[in-house]
Amino acid sequence: MNDLFEVTPGKRRLCASVLGMEAIVVALSTPVAITINHVSAPVAVTVGIGLAVLCVVVTGMLKRSFAYIAGTVLQILAIATGFLVPVMFFLGVIFALLWITAIFVAHRVEGATKR
């Protein structure tokens, strides 16, 4: 199980891809929150753009094992944005599943190539 937290190039690539796409989707939820769900602009921008920036920052830190914990927290926060834009409950769960899948697939593939 300790190997699961080992940082490898494949894991970094897969997780960076998930966080990069998630940053785009979360940022694009900002205008939806403002125009369709009538969330105040300061709240929508703080949550949407703030979370997108955090995704990019964590992507840059994926060389360290603690960044994967931060990425997991980001998945929870992305799901929580569903309180502002209800479709984000669904999209947040999709990204959380992609995040978990990226970690386990990279672990399994890189574990098989080590043998």
N, C-alpha and C. Protein backbone atom coordinates (compact mmCIF):
# COMPACT_ATOMS: atom_id res chain seq x y z
N MET A 1 0.82 -1.20 0.00
CA MET A 1 0.00 0.00 0.00
C MET A 1 0.86 1.26 0.00
N ASN A 2 2.07 1.19 0.61
CA ASN A 2 2.95 2.36 0.58
C ASN A 2 3.36 2.72 -0.83
N ASP A 3 3.45 1.72 -1.70
CA ASP A 3 3.79 1.98 -3.10
C ASP A 3 2.73 2.84 -3.77
N LEU A 4 1.51 2.80 -3.26
CA LEU A 4 0.42 3.59 -3.85
C LEU A 4 0.73 5.08 -3.75
N PHE A 5 1.48 5.48 -2.73
CA PHE A 5 1.81 6.88 -2.54
C PHE A 5 3.14 7.27 -3.17
N GLU A 6 3.77 6.32 -3.84
CA GLU A 6 5.02 6.60 -4.53
C GLU A 6 4.73 7.47 -5.76
N VAL A 7 5.52 8.50 -5.93
CA VAL A 7 5.35 9.40 -7.07
C VAL A 7 6.14 8.85 -8.24
N THR A 8 5.45 8.63 -9.34
CA THR A 8 6.08 8.11 -10.55
C THR A 8 5.71 9.01 -11.73
N PRO A 9 6.49 8.98 -12.79
CA PRO A 9 6.17 9.84 -13.95
C PRO A 9 4.79 9.57 -14.54
N GLY A 10 4.41 8.31 -14.62
CA GLY A 10 3.10 7.97 -15.18
C GLY A 10 1.97 8.50 -14.32
N LYS A 11 2.11 8.38 -13.02
CA LYS A 11 1.09 8.88 -12.10
C LYS A 11 0.98 10.39 -12.20
N ARG A 12 2.13 11.05 -12.29
CA ARG A 12 2.12 12.51 -12.43
C ARG A 12 1.40 12.93 -13.70
N ARG A 13 1.69 12.24 -14.80
CA ARG A 13 1.06 12.59 -16.08
C ARG A 13 -0.45 12.40 -16.04
N LEU A 14 -0.88 11.25 -15.55
CA LEU A 14 -2.32 10.98 -15.51
C LEU A 14 -3.05 11.94 -14.58
N CYS A 15 -2.51 12.16 -13.41
CA CYS A 15 -3.16 13.05 -12.45
C CYS A 15 -3.12 14.50 -12.92
N ALA A 16 -2.04 14.89 -13.57
CA ALA A 16 -1.96 16.25 -14.12
C ALA A 16 -3.02 16.44 -15.21
N SER A 17 -3.26 15.43 -16.00
CA SER A 17 -4.29 15.52 -17.03
C SER A 17 -5.67 15.72 -16.41
N VAL A 18 -5.94 14.96 -15.36
CA VAL A 18 -7.24 15.09 -14.68
C VAL A 18 -7.40 16.49 -14.11
N LEU A 19 -6.38 16.96 -13.40
CA LEU A 19 -6.47 18.28 -12.77
C LEU A 19 -6.53 19.40 -13.81
N GLY A 20 -5.82 19.24 -14.92
CA GLY A 20 -5.86 20.26 -15.97
C GLY A 20 -7.25 20.39 -16.58
N MET A 21 -7.86 19.27 -16.89
CA MET A 21 -9.21 19.31 -17.45
C MET A 21 -10.21 19.81 -16.41
N GLU A 22 -10.00 19.42 -15.17
CA GLU A 22 -10.89 19.86 -14.10
C GLU A 22 -10.80 21.37 -13.90
N ALA A 23 -9.60 21.92 -14.03
CA ALA A 23 -9.44 23.38 -13.90
C ALA A 23 -10.27 24.10 -14.95
N ILE A 24 -10.27 23.59 -16.16
CA ILE A 24 -11.05 24.21 -17.24
C ILE A 24 -12.55 24.13 -16.94
N VAL A 25 -13.01 22.96 -16.54
CA VAL A 25 -14.44 22.78 -16.28
C VAL A 25 -14.90 23.64 -15.11
N VAL A 26 -14.12 23.67 -14.04
CA VAL A 26 -14.50 24.46 -12.87
C VAL A 26 -14.49 25.95 -13.20
N ALA A 27 -13.51 26.39 -13.97
CA ALA A 27 -13.47 27.81 -14.37
C ALA A 27 -14.68 28.15 -15.24
N LEU A 28 -15.07 27.24 -16.12
CA LEU A 28 -16.23 27.50 -16.98
C LEU A 28 -17.55 27.43 -16.23
N SER A 29 -17.54 26.87 -15.04
CA SER A 29 -18.76 26.86 -14.24
C SER A 29 -19.04 28.24 -13.62
N THR A 30 -18.05 29.11 -13.62
CA THR A 30 -18.22 30.44 -13.03
C THR A 30 -19.29 31.26 -13.75
N PRO A 31 -19.21 31.43 -15.08
CA PRO A 31 -20.28 32.20 -15.74
C PRO A 31 -21.64 31.52 -15.66
N VAL A 32 -21.66 30.20 -15.58
CA VAL A 32 -22.92 29.48 -15.42
C VAL A 32 -23.54 29.82 -14.07
N ALA A 33 -22.72 29.84 -13.04
CA ALA A 33 -23.21 30.17 -11.70
C ALA A 33 -23.79 31.58 -11.67
N ILE A 34 -23.14 32.50 -12.37
CA ILE A 34 -23.58 33.90 -12.35
C ILE A 34 -24.86 34.09 -13.17
N THR A 35 -24.87 33.60 -14.41
CA THR A 35 -25.98 33.92 -15.31
C THR A 35 -27.20 33.01 -15.12
N ILE A 36 -26.98 31.74 -14.92
CA ILE A 36 -28.12 30.82 -14.84
C ILE A 36 -28.60 30.62 -13.41
N ASN A 37 -27.68 30.48 -12.49
CA ASN A 37 -28.05 30.19 -11.10
C ASN A 37 -28.10 31.44 -10.24
N HIS A 38 -27.80 32.58 -10.80
CA HIS A 38 -27.90 33.88 -10.12
C HIS A 38 -27.10 33.95 -8.82
N VAL A 39 -25.93 33.35 -8.84
CA VAL A 39 -24.99 33.46 -7.72
C VAL A 39 -24.28 34.80 -7.88
N SER A 40 -24.02 35.46 -6.77
CA SER A 40 -23.35 36.76 -6.86
C SER A 40 -21.97 36.58 -7.51
N ALA A 41 -21.60 37.56 -8.30
CA ALA A 41 -20.35 37.49 -9.06
C ALA A 41 -19.12 37.28 -8.16
N PRO A 42 -18.99 38.01 -7.05
CA PRO A 42 -17.81 37.79 -6.21
C PRO A 42 -17.71 36.36 -5.66
N VAL A 43 -18.83 35.79 -5.28
CA VAL A 43 -18.81 34.41 -4.76
C VAL A 43 -18.47 33.43 -5.87
N ALA A 44 -19.11 33.59 -7.03
CA ALA A 44 -18.88 32.68 -8.15
C ALA A 44 -17.43 32.74 -8.62
N VAL A 45 -16.88 33.94 -8.72
CA VAL A 45 -15.50 34.09 -9.18
C VAL A 45 -14.53 33.53 -8.15
N THR A 46 -14.78 33.82 -6.88
CA THR A 46 -13.89 33.31 -5.83
C THR A 46 -13.87 31.78 -5.82
N VAL A 47 -15.04 31.18 -5.90
CA VAL A 47 -15.12 29.72 -5.85
C VAL A 47 -14.62 29.11 -7.16
N GLY A 48 -15.16 29.54 -8.29
CA GLY A 48 -14.84 28.93 -9.58
C GLY A 48 -13.40 29.14 -10.01
N ILE A 49 -13.00 30.40 -10.06
CA ILE A 49 -11.63 30.70 -10.51
C ILE A 49 -10.63 30.29 -9.44
N GLY A 50 -11.00 30.46 -8.17
CA GLY A 50 -10.10 30.06 -7.09
C GLY A 50 -9.80 28.57 -7.13
N LEU A 51 -10.85 27.77 -7.34
CA LEU A 51 -10.65 26.31 -7.41
C LEU A 51 -9.87 25.92 -8.66
N ALA A 52 -10.10 26.62 -9.76
CA ALA A 52 -9.34 26.35 -10.99
C ALA A 52 -7.86 26.66 -10.78
N VAL A 53 -7.56 27.75 -10.12
CA VAL A 53 -6.16 28.11 -9.83
C VAL A 53 -5.53 27.07 -8.91
N LEU A 54 -6.28 26.63 -7.91
CA LEU A 54 -5.76 25.59 -7.01
C LEU A 54 -5.46 24.30 -7.77
N CYS A 55 -6.30 23.96 -8.74
CA CYS A 55 -6.03 22.77 -9.56
C CYS A 55 -4.71 22.91 -10.30
N VAL A 56 -4.47 24.09 -10.85
CA VAL A 56 -3.22 24.33 -11.58
C VAL A 56 -2.02 24.30 -10.63
N VAL A 57 -2.18 24.90 -9.45
CA VAL A 57 -1.09 24.92 -8.47
C VAL A 57 -0.75 23.49 -8.02
N VAL A 58 -1.77 22.70 -7.72
CA VAL A 58 -1.53 21.32 -7.29
C VAL A 58 -0.91 20.51 -8.42
N THR A 59 -1.31 20.79 -9.66
CA THR A 59 -0.71 20.11 -10.80
C THR A 59 0.81 20.34 -10.81
N GLY A 60 1.23 21.54 -10.49
CA GLY A 60 2.66 21.84 -10.45
C GLY A 60 3.39 21.19 -9.29
N MET A 61 2.65 20.75 -8.29
CA MET A 61 3.28 20.15 -7.11
C MET A 61 3.23 18.64 -7.12
N LEU A 62 2.79 18.02 -8.20
CA LEU A 62 2.61 16.57 -8.23
C LEU A 62 3.90 15.77 -8.13
N LYS A 63 5.04 16.44 -8.04
CA LYS A 63 6.30 15.72 -7.82
C LYS A 63 6.44 15.29 -6.37
N ARG A 64 5.58 15.84 -5.52
CA ARG A 64 5.62 15.53 -4.09
C ARG A 64 4.38 14.72 -3.72
N SER A 65 4.55 13.78 -2.82
CA SER A 65 3.44 12.88 -2.48
C SER A 65 2.28 13.60 -1.80
N PHE A 66 2.53 14.67 -1.05
CA PHE A 66 1.44 15.37 -0.38
C PHE A 66 0.48 16.04 -1.37
N ALA A 67 0.94 16.28 -2.59
CA ALA A 67 0.08 16.90 -3.60
C ALA A 67 -1.09 15.98 -3.98
N TYR A 68 -0.90 14.69 -3.84
CA TYR A 68 -1.99 13.75 -4.17
C TYR A 68 -3.09 13.82 -3.12
N ILE A 69 -2.71 14.13 -1.89
CA ILE A 69 -3.71 14.36 -0.85
C ILE A 69 -4.44 15.67 -1.13
N ALA A 70 -3.67 16.70 -1.52
CA ALA A 70 -4.29 17.97 -1.87
C ALA A 70 -5.22 17.80 -3.08
N GLY A 71 -4.83 16.98 -4.03
CA GLY A 71 -5.68 16.72 -5.19
C GLY A 71 -6.97 16.02 -4.79
N THR A 72 -6.89 15.15 -3.81
CA THR A 72 -8.09 14.47 -3.32
C THR A 72 -9.02 15.47 -2.63
N VAL A 73 -8.45 16.40 -1.89
CA VAL A 73 -9.26 17.45 -1.26
C VAL A 73 -9.91 18.31 -2.34
N LEU A 74 -9.19 18.58 -3.42
CA LEU A 74 -9.77 19.35 -4.53
C LEU A 74 -10.96 18.63 -5.15
N GLN A 75 -10.91 17.30 -5.18
CA GLN A 75 -12.05 16.55 -5.72
C GLN A 75 -13.28 16.76 -4.86
N ILE A 76 -13.09 16.78 -3.56
CA ILE A 76 -14.21 17.02 -2.64
C ILE A 76 -14.75 18.43 -2.83
N LEU A 77 -13.86 19.40 -2.98
CA LEU A 77 -14.28 20.78 -3.21
C LEU A 77 -15.01 20.94 -4.54
N ALA A 78 -14.56 20.20 -5.55
CA ALA A 78 -15.23 20.27 -6.86
C ALA A 78 -16.65 19.74 -6.75
N ILE A 79 -16.83 18.66 -6.00
CA ILE A 79 -18.18 18.14 -5.79
C ILE A 79 -19.02 19.17 -5.03
N ALA A 80 -18.42 19.83 -4.06
CA ALA A 80 -19.14 20.83 -3.26
C ALA A 80 -19.57 22.04 -4.07
N THR A 81 -18.93 22.30 -5.21
CA THR A 81 -19.37 23.42 -6.04
C THR A 81 -20.75 23.16 -6.63
N GLY A 82 -21.23 21.95 -6.49
CA GLY A 82 -22.59 21.63 -6.91
C GLY A 82 -23.64 22.44 -6.15
N PHE A 83 -23.27 22.98 -5.00
CA PHE A 83 -24.21 23.85 -4.28
C PHE A 83 -24.42 25.17 -5.01
N LEU A 84 -23.47 25.55 -5.85
CA LEU A 84 -23.61 26.76 -6.66
C LEU A 84 -24.15 26.45 -8.05
N VAL A 85 -23.63 25.37 -8.64
CA VAL A 85 -24.05 24.92 -9.97
C VAL A 85 -24.38 23.43 -9.83
N PRO A 86 -25.65 23.08 -9.75
CA PRO A 86 -26.03 21.69 -9.45
C PRO A 86 -25.39 20.63 -10.35
N VAL A 87 -25.15 20.93 -11.62
CA VAL A 87 -24.52 19.92 -12.50
C VAL A 87 -23.11 19.57 -12.04
N MET A 88 -22.50 20.43 -11.22
CA MET A 88 -21.16 20.15 -10.72
C MET A 88 -21.14 19.01 -9.71
N PHE A 89 -22.30 18.69 -9.12
CA PHE A 89 -22.34 17.48 -8.29
C PHE A 89 -21.96 16.28 -9.16
N PHE A 90 -22.58 16.20 -10.32
CA PHE A 90 -22.31 15.10 -11.26
C PHE A 90 -20.88 15.18 -11.80
N LEU A 91 -20.50 16.35 -12.30
CA LEU A 91 -19.16 16.50 -12.89
C LEU A 91 -18.06 16.31 -11.85
N GLY A 92 -18.31 16.78 -10.63
CA GLY A 92 -17.34 16.60 -9.56
C GLY A 92 -17.11 15.13 -9.24
N VAL A 93 -18.19 14.36 -9.23
CA VAL A 93 -18.06 12.92 -8.99
C VAL A 93 -17.30 12.26 -10.14
N ILE A 94 -17.59 12.68 -11.37
CA ILE A 94 -16.87 12.14 -12.53
C ILE A 94 -15.37 12.41 -12.39
N PHE A 95 -15.01 13.65 -12.05
CA PHE A 95 -13.59 13.97 -11.89
C PHE A 95 -12.96 13.23 -10.71
N ALA A 96 -13.71 13.04 -9.64
CA ALA A 96 -13.18 12.28 -8.50
C ALA A 96 -12.91 10.84 -8.92
N LEU A 97 -13.80 10.26 -9.70
CA LEU A 97 -13.58 8.89 -10.18
C LEU A 97 -12.38 8.83 -11.13
N LEU A 98 -12.24 9.84 -11.97
CA LEU A 98 -11.06 9.90 -12.85
C LEU A 98 -9.78 10.02 -12.04
N TRP A 99 -9.82 10.82 -10.99
CA TRP A 99 -8.66 11.01 -10.11
C TRP A 99 -8.25 9.69 -9.47
N ILE A 100 -9.22 8.99 -8.89
CA ILE A 100 -8.95 7.71 -8.25
C ILE A 100 -8.45 6.70 -9.28
N THR A 101 -9.08 6.69 -10.43
CA THR A 101 -8.67 5.77 -11.49
C THR A 101 -7.24 6.07 -11.94
N ALA A 102 -6.90 7.34 -12.10
CA ALA A 102 -5.55 7.72 -12.52
C ALA A 102 -4.51 7.21 -11.53
N ILE A 103 -4.79 7.34 -10.26
CA ILE A 103 -3.84 6.89 -9.24
C ILE A 103 -3.67 5.38 -9.29
N PHE A 104 -4.78 4.65 -9.32
CA PHE A 104 -4.70 3.19 -9.28
C PHE A 104 -4.19 2.59 -10.58
N VAL A 105 -4.58 3.15 -11.71
CA VAL A 105 -4.10 2.63 -12.99
C VAL A 105 -2.59 2.85 -13.11
N ALA A 106 -2.13 4.03 -12.76
CA ALA A 106 -0.70 4.31 -12.82
C ALA A 106 0.06 3.37 -11.89
N HIS A 107 -0.48 3.15 -10.70
CA HIS A 107 0.16 2.25 -9.74
C HIS A 107 0.24 0.84 -10.31
N ARG A 108 -0.84 0.39 -10.90
CA ARG A 108 -0.88 -0.98 -11.43
C ARG A 108 0.04 -1.14 -12.64
N VAL A 109 -0.02 -0.18 -13.57
CA VAL A 109 0.79 -0.28 -14.79
C VAL A 109 2.27 -0.16 -14.46
N GLU A 110 2.63 0.79 -13.63
CA GLU A 110 4.04 0.97 -13.31
C GLU A 110 4.55 -0.14 -12.41
N GLY A 111 3.66 -0.73 -11.61
CA GLY A 111 4.05 -1.89 -10.80
C GLY A 111 4.33 -3.10 -11.69
N ALA A 112 3.56 -3.24 -12.75
CA ALA A 112 3.76 -4.36 -13.67
C ALA A 112 5.03 -4.19 -14.49
N THR A 113 5.38 -2.96 -14.81
CA THR A 113 6.59 -2.73 -15.60
C THR A 113 7.86 -2.86 -14.77
N LYS A 114 7.76 -2.77 -13.45
CA LYS A 114 8.92 -2.93 -12.58
C LYS A 114 9.35 -4.39 -12.47
N ARG A 115 8.42 -5.29 -12.69
CA ARG A 115 8.71 -6.73 -12.52
C ARG A 115 9.59 -7.26 -13.60
